[in-house]
């Protein structure tokens, strides 16, 4: 019974952060729906959509993306009003609005979610009988939704940016060390091109994790600059550790590439493979 219960509960424990974020997002959307309908006539739907899109993994990201969300909404509303005013409602209006919205997003360097919101808002606003009051209601509703999302984002993750950076560094460092161990065992046991190719693939997949590590370290660094309870010295130390780990992962990939090239030499002396395995 204990084993069955462990198998049932273990997936939820491992996905605790994701589950917490799902529930926080759902609560934020529900609160935004209530607040939107209370302050704006029929504004609950837009507020709930904006709130759902704006909840982020941390308070810092939510504030940053929330303002982008609001800016995107404003652009979408303005684009829709201008297009409908000069062209009326129809297929051509939809075509022009999408092009103008995406172009404006690109020009203002909006992030992905904010860029999508420009188009979404413009398409929602477009419609027969569009009035200036409708545009104002959409904008206010989005402001309500993003504001609520910013508050709830503080509870969206059970860990701090620094804690998430530490976890990411620990996992990647462990994976790199494990891969080096596999390389050593493979070389000592007589490896071939197939094994060397598998190790090289693992190393390349490890390198693909570098942007995520760098983004997380920068997030912790930025968070520590304005949040009073965060330690700046810890954030700087984590950033340096992240940079050092990046170099280590690149070196692991270089080693795996060298071993792959060595696998083409069928007459490699055993003394060479023994020393390489010992060095690894």
C-alpha atoms as a PDB file:
ATOM      1  CA  UNK A   1       0.000   0.000   0.000  1.00  0.00           C
ATOM      2  CA  UNK A   2       2.815   2.372   0.880  1.00  0.00           C
ATOM      3  CA  UNK A   3       4.563   1.635  -2.422  1.00  0.00           C
ATOM      4  CA  UNK A   4       1.394   2.288  -4.424  1.00  0.00           C
ATOM      5  CA  UNK A   5       0.764   5.532  -2.581  1.00  0.00           C
ATOM      6  CA  UNK A   6       4.371   6.588  -3.242  1.00  0.00           C
ATOM      7  CA  UNK A   7       3.970   5.898  -6.963  1.00  0.00           C
ATOM      8  CA  UNK A   8       0.789   7.968  -6.999  1.00  0.00           C
ATOM      9  CA  UNK A   9       2.087  10.950  -5.054  1.00  0.00           C
ATOM     10  CA  UNK A  10       5.670  11.041  -6.386  1.00  0.00           C
ATOM     11  CA  UNK A  11       4.788  12.634  -9.788  1.00  0.00           C
ATOM     12  CA  UNK A  12       2.942  15.437  -8.002  1.00  0.00           C
ATOM     13  CA  UNK A  13       5.879  16.087  -5.654  1.00  0.00           C
ATOM     14  CA  UNK A  14       8.313  16.275  -8.571  1.00  0.00           C
ATOM     15  CA  UNK A  15       6.005  18.704 -10.373  1.00  0.00           C
ATOM     16  CA  UNK A  16       5.235  20.823  -7.323  1.00  0.00           C
ATOM     17  CA  UNK A  17       6.376  24.092  -8.925  1.00  0.00           C
ATOM     18  CA  UNK A  18       4.293  23.491 -12.049  1.00  0.00           C
ATOM     19  CA  UNK A  19       1.207  22.500 -10.054  1.00  0.00           C
ATOM     20  CA  UNK A  20       1.531  25.550  -7.819  1.00  0.00           C
ATOM     21  CA  UNK A  21       1.823  27.839 -10.838  1.00  0.00           C
ATOM     22  CA  UNK A  22      -1.275  26.253 -12.432  1.00  0.00           C
ATOM     23  CA  UNK A  23      -3.394  26.827  -9.322  1.00  0.00           C
ATOM     24  CA  UNK A  24      -2.073  30.369  -8.829  1.00  0.00           C
ATOM     25  CA  UNK A  25      -2.842  31.202 -12.467  1.00  0.00           C
ATOM     26  CA  UNK A  26      -6.354  29.795 -12.137  1.00  0.00           C
ATOM     27  CA  UNK A  27      -6.994  31.802  -8.959  1.00  0.00           C
ATOM     28  CA  UNK A  28      -5.569  34.971 -10.567  1.00  0.00           C
ATOM     29  CA  UNK A  29      -7.822  34.523 -13.607  1.00  0.00           C
ATOM     30  CA  UNK A  30     -10.864  33.986 -11.367  1.00  0.00           C
ATOM     31  CA  UNK A  31     -10.122  37.081  -9.275  1.00  0.00           C
ATOM     32  CA  UNK A  32      -9.502  39.089 -12.457  1.00  0.00           C
ATOM     33  CA  UNK A  33     -12.862  37.917 -13.806  1.00  0.00           C
ATOM     34  CA  UNK A  34     -14.663  39.106 -10.670  1.00  0.00           C
ATOM     35  CA  UNK A  35     -12.794  42.426 -10.528  1.00  0.00           C
ATOM     36  CA  UNK A  36     -13.231  43.030 -14.249  1.00  0.00           C
ATOM     37  CA  UNK A  37     -16.983  42.551 -14.098  1.00  0.00           C
ATOM     38  CA  UNK A  38     -17.192  44.703 -10.968  1.00  0.00           C
ATOM     39  CA  UNK A  39     -15.320  47.744 -12.307  1.00  0.00           C
ATOM     40  CA  UNK A  40     -16.025  47.471 -16.042  1.00  0.00           C
ATOM     41  CA  UNK A  41     -19.275  46.434 -17.750  1.00  0.00           C
ATOM     42  CA  UNK A  42     -18.712  42.896 -19.072  1.00  0.00           C
ATOM     43  CA  UNK A  43     -14.967  43.310 -18.529  1.00  0.00           C
ATOM     44  CA  UNK A  44     -14.422  40.019 -16.744  1.00  0.00           C
ATOM     45  CA  UNK A  45     -13.472  37.982 -19.808  1.00  0.00           C
ATOM     46  CA  UNK A  46     -10.769  40.371 -21.028  1.00  0.00           C
ATOM     47  CA  UNK A  47      -9.411  40.794 -17.493  1.00  0.00           C
ATOM     48  CA  UNK A  48      -9.248  37.020 -17.017  1.00  0.00           C
ATOM     49  CA  UNK A  49      -7.435  36.557 -20.344  1.00  0.00           C
ATOM     50  CA  UNK A  50      -4.927  39.291 -19.513  1.00  0.00           C
ATOM     51  CA  UNK A  51      -4.399  37.856 -16.041  1.00  0.00           C
ATOM     52  CA  UNK A  52      -3.795  34.357 -17.371  1.00  0.00           C
ATOM     53  CA  UNK A  53      -1.269  35.586 -19.931  1.00  0.00           C
ATOM     54  CA  UNK A  54       0.548  37.814 -17.433  1.00  0.00           C
ATOM     55  CA  UNK A  55       1.219  35.393 -14.578  1.00  0.00           C
ATOM     56  CA  UNK A  56       4.918  34.564 -14.701  1.00  0.00           C
ATOM     57  CA  UNK A  57       7.340  32.369 -12.808  1.00  0.00           C
ATOM     58  CA  UNK A  58       8.483  35.329 -10.690  1.00  0.00           C
ATOM     59  CA  UNK A  59       7.305  38.751  -9.594  1.00  0.00           C
ATOM     60  CA  UNK A  60      10.074  40.445 -11.564  1.00  0.00           C
ATOM     61  CA  UNK A  61       9.107  38.772 -14.837  1.00  0.00           C
ATOM     62  CA  UNK A  62       5.443  39.411 -14.238  1.00  0.00           C
ATOM     63  CA  UNK A  63       5.941  43.153 -13.735  1.00  0.00           C
ATOM     64  CA  UNK A  64       8.153  43.377 -16.798  1.00  0.00           C
ATOM     65  CA  UNK A  65       5.835  41.361 -19.026  1.00  0.00           C
ATOM     66  CA  UNK A  66       2.735  42.891 -17.475  1.00  0.00           C
ATOM     67  CA  UNK A  67       3.649  46.374 -18.649  1.00  0.00           C
ATOM     68  CA  UNK A  68       4.426  44.910 -22.059  1.00  0.00           C
ATOM     69  CA  UNK A  69       1.033  43.253 -21.987  1.00  0.00           C
ATOM     70  CA  UNK A  70      -0.676  46.575 -21.275  1.00  0.00           C
ATOM     71  CA  UNK A  71       1.341  48.346 -23.966  1.00  0.00           C
ATOM     72  CA  UNK A  72       0.451  45.606 -26.418  1.00  0.00           C
ATOM     73  CA  UNK A  73      -3.207  45.971 -25.570  1.00  0.00           C
ATOM     74  CA  UNK A  74      -3.092  49.719 -26.130  1.00  0.00           C
ATOM     75  CA  UNK A  75      -1.425  49.226 -29.510  1.00  0.00           C
ATOM     76  CA  UNK A  76      -3.960  46.575 -30.486  1.00  0.00           C
ATOM     77  CA  UNK A  77      -6.882  48.806 -29.556  1.00  0.00           C
ATOM     78  CA  UNK A  78      -5.443  51.771 -31.430  1.00  0.00           C
ATOM     79  CA  UNK A  79      -4.699  49.672 -34.507  1.00  0.00           C
ATOM     80  CA  UNK A  80      -8.214  48.245 -34.517  1.00  0.00           C
ATOM     81  CA  UNK A  81      -9.845  51.680 -34.151  1.00  0.00           C
ATOM     82  CA  UNK A  82      -7.795  53.187 -36.971  1.00  0.00           C
ATOM     83  CA  UNK A  83      -8.352  50.245 -39.327  1.00  0.00           C
ATOM     84  CA  UNK A  84     -12.107  50.065 -38.733  1.00  0.00           C
ATOM     85  CA  UNK A  85     -12.448  53.845 -39.043  1.00  0.00           C
ATOM     86  CA  UNK A  86     -10.817  53.986 -42.478  1.00  0.00           C
ATOM     87  CA  UNK A  87     -11.707  50.565 -43.892  1.00  0.00           C
ATOM     88  CA  UNK A  88     -14.837  49.446 -42.101  1.00  0.00           C
ATOM     89  CA  UNK A  89     -15.305  45.842 -40.972  1.00  0.00           C
ATOM     90  CA  UNK A  90     -14.279  42.951 -43.222  1.00  0.00           C
ATOM     91  CA  UNK A  91     -11.590  40.505 -44.293  1.00  0.00           C
ATOM     92  CA  UNK A  92      -9.316  43.272 -45.531  1.00  0.00           C
ATOM     93  CA  UNK A  93      -9.507  44.927 -42.110  1.00  0.00           C
ATOM     94  CA  UNK A  94      -8.420  41.720 -40.387  1.00  0.00           C
ATOM     95  CA  UNK A  95      -5.525  41.375 -42.835  1.00  0.00           C
ATOM     96  CA  UNK A  96      -4.312  44.939 -42.296  1.00  0.00           C
ATOM     97  CA  UNK A  97      -4.760  44.826 -38.502  1.00  0.00           C
ATOM     98  CA  UNK A  98      -2.642  41.687 -38.152  1.00  0.00           C
ATOM     99  CA  UNK A  99       0.151  43.169 -40.276  1.00  0.00           C
ATOM    100  CA  UNK A 100       0.116  46.522 -38.445  1.00  0.00           C
ATOM    101  CA  UNK A 101      -0.027  44.866 -35.007  1.00  0.00           C
ATOM    102  CA  UNK A 102       2.912  42.545 -35.646  1.00  0.00           C
ATOM    103  CA  UNK A 103       4.913  45.351 -37.242  1.00  0.00           C
ATOM    104  CA  UNK A 104       4.325  47.644 -34.257  1.00  0.00           C
ATOM    105  CA  UNK A 105       5.308  44.845 -31.865  1.00  0.00           C
ATOM    106  CA  UNK A 106       8.517  44.282 -33.768  1.00  0.00           C
ATOM    107  CA  UNK A 107       9.329  47.979 -33.883  1.00  0.00           C
ATOM    108  CA  UNK A 108       8.799  48.387 -30.117  1.00  0.00           C
ATOM    109  CA  UNK A 109      10.751  45.180 -29.330  1.00  0.00           C
ATOM    110  CA  UNK A 110       7.873  43.727 -27.340  1.00  0.00           C
ATOM    111  CA  UNK A 111       8.308  40.276 -25.875  1.00  0.00           C
ATOM    112  CA  UNK A 112       6.532  37.228 -27.247  1.00  0.00           C
ATOM    113  CA  UNK A 113       3.481  37.324 -24.972  1.00  0.00           C
ATOM    114  CA  UNK A 114       3.029  41.065 -25.395  1.00  0.00           C
ATOM    115  CA  UNK A 115       3.370  40.717 -29.170  1.00  0.00           C
ATOM    116  CA  UNK A 116       0.696  38.038 -29.242  1.00  0.00           C
ATOM    117  CA  UNK A 117      -1.558  40.184 -27.071  1.00  0.00           C
ATOM    118  CA  UNK A 118      -1.397  43.016 -29.618  1.00  0.00           C
ATOM    119  CA  UNK A 119      -2.988  40.807 -32.244  1.00  0.00           C
ATOM    120  CA  UNK A 120      -5.415  39.133 -29.826  1.00  0.00           C
ATOM    121  CA  UNK A 121      -6.668  42.455 -28.470  1.00  0.00           C
ATOM    122  CA  UNK A 122      -7.032  43.934 -31.931  1.00  0.00           C
ATOM    123  CA  UNK A 123      -9.078  40.947 -33.100  1.00  0.00           C
ATOM    124  CA  UNK A 124     -11.293  41.072 -29.989  1.00  0.00           C
ATOM    125  CA  UNK A 125     -11.946  44.788 -30.388  1.00  0.00           C
ATOM    126  CA  UNK A 126     -12.693  44.579 -34.101  1.00  0.00           C
ATOM    127  CA  UNK A 127     -16.359  44.079 -34.756  1.00  0.00           C
ATOM    128  CA  UNK A 128     -19.571  45.739 -35.960  1.00  0.00           C
ATOM    129  CA  UNK A 129     -20.640  48.608 -33.789  1.00  0.00           C
ATOM    130  CA  UNK A 130     -17.169  49.278 -32.387  1.00  0.00           C
ATOM    131  CA  UNK A 131     -17.272  52.310 -30.138  1.00  0.00           C
ATOM    132  CA  UNK A 132     -14.699  54.336 -28.274  1.00  0.00           C
ATOM    133  CA  UNK A 133     -16.196  53.179 -24.974  1.00  0.00           C
ATOM    134  CA  UNK A 134     -15.526  49.565 -25.994  1.00  0.00           C
ATOM    135  CA  UNK A 135     -11.860  50.329 -26.559  1.00  0.00           C
ATOM    136  CA  UNK A 136     -11.619  52.043 -23.177  1.00  0.00           C
ATOM    137  CA  UNK A 137     -13.319  49.096 -21.478  1.00  0.00           C
ATOM    138  CA  UNK A 138     -10.876  46.659 -23.100  1.00  0.00           C
ATOM    139  CA  UNK A 139      -7.878  48.690 -21.993  1.00  0.00           C
ATOM    140  CA  UNK A 140      -9.125  49.117 -18.412  1.00  0.00           C
ATOM    141  CA  UNK A 141     -10.006  45.425 -18.185  1.00  0.00           C
ATOM    142  CA  UNK A 142      -6.534  44.470 -19.341  1.00  0.00           C
ATOM    143  CA  UNK A 143      -5.016  46.813 -16.775  1.00  0.00           C
ATOM    144  CA  UNK A 144      -7.062  45.110 -14.057  1.00  0.00           C
ATOM    145  CA  UNK A 145      -6.045  41.649 -15.251  1.00  0.00           C
ATOM    146  CA  UNK A 146      -2.333  42.415 -15.488  1.00  0.00           C
ATOM    147  CA  UNK A 147      -2.315  44.166 -12.106  1.00  0.00           C
ATOM    148  CA  UNK A 148      -3.898  41.165 -10.406  1.00  0.00           C
ATOM    149  CA  UNK A 149      -1.481  38.823 -12.206  1.00  0.00           C
ATOM    150  CA  UNK A 150       1.494  40.845 -10.957  1.00  0.00           C
ATOM    151  CA  UNK A 151       0.295  40.412  -7.369  1.00  0.00           C
ATOM    152  CA  UNK A 152      -0.370  36.682  -7.730  1.00  0.00           C
ATOM    153  CA  UNK A 153       2.949  36.063  -9.489  1.00  0.00           C
ATOM    154  CA  UNK A 154       4.626  36.516  -6.122  1.00  0.00           C
ATOM    155  CA  UNK A 155       3.079  33.136  -5.200  1.00  0.00           C
ATOM    156  CA  UNK A 156       3.506  31.451  -8.598  1.00  0.00           C
ATOM    157  CA  UNK A 157       6.656  29.541  -7.659  1.00  0.00           C
ATOM    158  CA  UNK A 158       7.701  27.968  -4.342  1.00  0.00           C
ATOM    159  CA  UNK A 159      11.316  29.048  -4.831  1.00  0.00           C
ATOM    160  CA  UNK A 160      13.135  32.357  -5.289  1.00  0.00           C
ATOM    161  CA  UNK A 161      15.091  33.299  -8.446  1.00  0.00           C
ATOM    162  CA  UNK A 162      18.324  32.628  -6.542  1.00  0.00           C
ATOM    163  CA  UNK A 163      17.031  29.246  -5.398  1.00  0.00           C
ATOM    164  CA  UNK A 164      16.015  28.316  -8.942  1.00  0.00           C
ATOM    165  CA  UNK A 165      19.459  29.341 -10.171  1.00  0.00           C
ATOM    166  CA  UNK A 166      21.127  27.144  -7.562  1.00  0.00           C
ATOM    167  CA  UNK A 167      18.920  24.220  -8.560  1.00  0.00           C
ATOM    168  CA  UNK A 168      19.699  24.739 -12.246  1.00  0.00           C
ATOM    169  CA  UNK A 169      23.445  24.960 -11.634  1.00  0.00           C
ATOM    170  CA  UNK A 170      23.332  21.814  -9.482  1.00  0.00           C
ATOM    171  CA  UNK A 171      21.442  19.787 -12.080  1.00  0.00           C
ATOM    172  CA  UNK A 172      23.625  20.840 -15.027  1.00  0.00           C
ATOM    173  CA  UNK A 173      26.864  20.346 -13.069  1.00  0.00           C
ATOM    174  CA  UNK A 174      25.705  16.852 -12.092  1.00  0.00           C
ATOM    175  CA  UNK A 175      24.777  16.043 -15.702  1.00  0.00           C
ATOM    176  CA  UNK A 176      28.179  17.263 -16.941  1.00  0.00           C
ATOM    177  CA  UNK A 177      30.033  15.198 -14.329  1.00  0.00           C
ATOM    178  CA  UNK A 178      27.937  12.139 -15.168  1.00  0.00           C
ATOM    179  CA  UNK A 179      28.692  12.560 -18.861  1.00  0.00           C
ATOM    180  CA  UNK A 180      32.422  12.785 -18.151  1.00  0.00           C
ATOM    181  CA  UNK A 181      32.126   9.572 -16.158  1.00  0.00           C
ATOM    182  CA  UNK A 182      30.390   7.859 -19.078  1.00  0.00           C
ATOM    183  CA  UNK A 183      33.146   9.054 -21.398  1.00  0.00           C
ATOM    184  CA  UNK A 184      35.806   7.647 -19.086  1.00  0.00           C
ATOM    185  CA  UNK A 185      34.102   4.268 -18.804  1.00  0.00           C
ATOM    186  CA  UNK A 186      33.515   4.100 -22.557  1.00  0.00           C
ATOM    187  CA  UNK A 187      37.124   4.904 -23.420  1.00  0.00           C
ATOM    188  CA  UNK A 188      38.462   2.429 -20.851  1.00  0.00           C
ATOM    189  CA  UNK A 189      36.116  -0.322 -22.041  1.00  0.00           C
ATOM    190  CA  UNK A 190      36.843   0.134 -25.735  1.00  0.00           C
ATOM    191  CA  UNK A 191      34.451   2.494 -27.426  1.00  0.00           C
ATOM    192  CA  UNK A 192      33.355   2.702 -31.058  1.00  0.00           C
ATOM    193  CA  UNK A 193      31.845   5.298 -33.346  1.00  0.00           C
ATOM    194  CA  UNK A 194      28.297   4.522 -32.226  1.00  0.00           C
ATOM    195  CA  UNK A 195      29.112   5.033 -28.537  1.00  0.00           C
ATOM    196  CA  UNK A 196      31.163   8.146 -29.309  1.00  0.00           C
ATOM    197  CA  UNK A 197      28.268   9.539 -31.364  1.00  0.00           C
ATOM    198  CA  UNK A 198      25.849   8.951 -28.488  1.00  0.00           C
ATOM    199  CA  UNK A 199      28.163  10.765 -26.066  1.00  0.00           C
ATOM    200  CA  UNK A 200      28.551  13.658 -28.497  1.00  0.00           C
ATOM    201  CA  UNK A 201      24.768  13.941 -28.805  1.00  0.00           C
ATOM    202  CA  UNK A 202      24.402  14.100 -25.014  1.00  0.00           C
ATOM    203  CA  UNK A 203      27.068  16.801 -24.850  1.00  0.00           C
ATOM    204  CA  UNK A 204      25.325  18.878 -27.508  1.00  0.00           C
ATOM    205  CA  UNK A 205      21.996  18.559 -25.694  1.00  0.00           C
ATOM    206  CA  UNK A 206      23.757  19.748 -22.556  1.00  0.00           C
ATOM    207  CA  UNK A 207      25.042  22.814 -24.406  1.00  0.00           C
ATOM    208  CA  UNK A 208      21.482  23.645 -25.441  1.00  0.00           C
ATOM    209  CA  UNK A 209      20.674  24.175 -21.745  1.00  0.00           C
ATOM    210  CA  UNK A 210      23.142  27.076 -21.501  1.00  0.00           C
ATOM    211  CA  UNK A 211      20.672  29.808 -22.596  1.00  0.00           C
ATOM    212  CA  UNK A 212      18.217  28.656 -19.909  1.00  0.00           C
ATOM    213  CA  UNK A 213      20.944  28.739 -17.271  1.00  0.00           C
ATOM    214  CA  UNK A 214      22.088  32.197 -18.365  1.00  0.00           C
ATOM    215  CA  UNK A 215      18.531  33.558 -18.369  1.00  0.00           C
ATOM    216  CA  UNK A 216      17.919  32.205 -14.882  1.00  0.00           C
ATOM    217  CA  UNK A 217      21.176  33.673 -13.547  1.00  0.00           C
ATOM    218  CA  UNK A 218      20.328  37.057 -15.074  1.00  0.00           C
ATOM    219  CA  UNK A 219      16.853  36.836 -13.566  1.00  0.00           C
ATOM    220  CA  UNK A 220      18.327  36.293 -10.091  1.00  0.00           C
ATOM    221  CA  UNK A 221      20.757  39.153 -10.643  1.00  0.00           C
ATOM    222  CA  UNK A 222      18.044  41.556 -11.781  1.00  0.00           C
ATOM    223  CA  UNK A 223      15.715  40.483  -8.972  1.00  0.00           C
ATOM    224  CA  UNK A 224      18.384  41.197  -6.342  1.00  0.00           C
ATOM    225  CA  UNK A 225      18.882  44.750  -7.615  1.00  0.00           C
ATOM    226  CA  UNK A 226      15.413  45.940  -6.679  1.00  0.00           C
ATOM    227  CA  UNK A 227      13.898  43.430  -4.228  1.00  0.00           C
ATOM    228  CA  UNK A 228      14.866  44.417  -0.642  1.00  0.00           C
ATOM    229  CA  UNK A 229      15.081  40.891   0.827  1.00  0.00           C
ATOM    230  CA  UNK A 230      17.336  39.515  -1.927  1.00  0.00           C
ATOM    231  CA  UNK A 231      21.110  39.417  -1.420  1.00  0.00           C
ATOM    232  CA  UNK A 232      23.065  41.128  -4.179  1.00  0.00           C
ATOM    233  CA  UNK A 233      26.334  39.396  -3.275  1.00  0.00           C
ATOM    234  CA  UNK A 234      24.668  35.992  -3.562  1.00  0.00           C
ATOM    235  CA  UNK A 235      23.167  36.902  -6.929  1.00  0.00           C
ATOM    236  CA  UNK A 236      26.541  38.059  -8.258  1.00  0.00           C
ATOM    237  CA  UNK A 237      28.191  34.868  -6.984  1.00  0.00           C
ATOM    238  CA  UNK A 238      25.533  32.741  -8.663  1.00  0.00           C
ATOM    239  CA  UNK A 239      26.005  34.645 -11.908  1.00  0.00           C
ATOM    240  CA  UNK A 240      29.753  33.968 -11.824  1.00  0.00           C
ATOM    241  CA  UNK A 241      29.134  30.313 -11.020  1.00  0.00           C
ATOM    242  CA  UNK A 242      26.748  30.140 -13.945  1.00  0.00           C
ATOM    243  CA  UNK A 243      29.356  31.597 -16.304  1.00  0.00           C
ATOM    244  CA  UNK A 244      31.965  29.128 -15.026  1.00  0.00           C
ATOM    245  CA  UNK A 245      29.532  26.251 -15.568  1.00  0.00           C
ATOM    246  CA  UNK A 246      28.855  27.448 -19.107  1.00  0.00           C
ATOM    247  CA  UNK A 247      32.576  27.225 -19.898  1.00  0.00           C
ATOM    248  CA  UNK A 248      32.753  23.776 -18.306  1.00  0.00           C
ATOM    249  CA  UNK A 249      29.846  22.494 -20.399  1.00  0.00           C
ATOM    250  CA  UNK A 250      31.450  23.854 -23.568  1.00  0.00           C
ATOM    251  CA  UNK A 251      34.667  22.062 -22.642  1.00  0.00           C
ATOM    252  CA  UNK A 252      32.747  18.816 -22.093  1.00  0.00           C
ATOM    253  CA  UNK A 253      31.261  19.191 -25.567  1.00  0.00           C
ATOM    254  CA  UNK A 254      34.761  19.801 -26.985  1.00  0.00           C
ATOM    255  CA  UNK A 255      36.071  16.662 -25.262  1.00  0.00           C
ATOM    256  CA  UNK A 256      33.194  14.590 -26.600  1.00  0.00           C
ATOM    257  CA  UNK A 257      33.881  15.902 -30.089  1.00  0.00           C
ATOM    258  CA  UNK A 258      37.553  14.969 -29.760  1.00  0.00           C
ATOM    259  CA  UNK A 259      36.628  11.467 -28.603  1.00  0.00           C
ATOM    260  CA  UNK A 260      34.280  11.147 -31.555  1.00  0.00           C
ATOM    261  CA  UNK A 261      37.109  12.056 -33.938  1.00  0.00           C
ATOM    262  CA  UNK A 262      39.390   9.583 -32.156  1.00  0.00           C
ATOM    263  CA  UNK A 263      36.868   6.789 -32.699  1.00  0.00           C
ATOM    264  CA  UNK A 264      37.725   6.796 -36.413  1.00  0.00           C
ATOM    265  CA  UNK A 265      41.260   5.634 -35.593  1.00  0.00           C
ATOM    266  CA  UNK A 266      41.015   1.850 -35.252  1.00  0.00           C
ATOM    267  CA  UNK A 267      44.702   1.452 -34.335  1.00  0.00           C
ATOM    268  CA  UNK A 268      44.687   3.688 -31.297  1.00  0.00           C
ATOM    269  CA  UNK A 269      47.180   2.228 -28.770  1.00  0.00           C
ATOM    270  CA  UNK A 270      45.649   0.889 -25.542  1.00  0.00           C
ATOM    271  CA  UNK A 271      48.072   2.988 -23.498  1.00  0.00           C
ATOM    272  CA  UNK A 272      46.546   6.124 -25.033  1.00  0.00           C
ATOM    273  CA  UNK A 273      42.944   5.130 -24.268  1.00  0.00           C
ATOM    274  CA  UNK A 274      44.003   4.169 -20.726  1.00  0.00           C
ATOM    275  CA  UNK A 275      45.536   7.570 -20.056  1.00  0.00           C
ATOM    276  CA  UNK A 276      42.578   9.383 -21.609  1.00  0.00           C
ATOM    277  CA  UNK A 277      40.142   7.422 -19.452  1.00  0.00           C
ATOM    278  CA  UNK A 278      42.232   8.166 -16.345  1.00  0.00           C
ATOM    279  CA  UNK A 279      42.335  11.872 -17.206  1.00  0.00           C
ATOM    280  CA  UNK A 280      38.552  11.997 -17.670  1.00  0.00           C
END
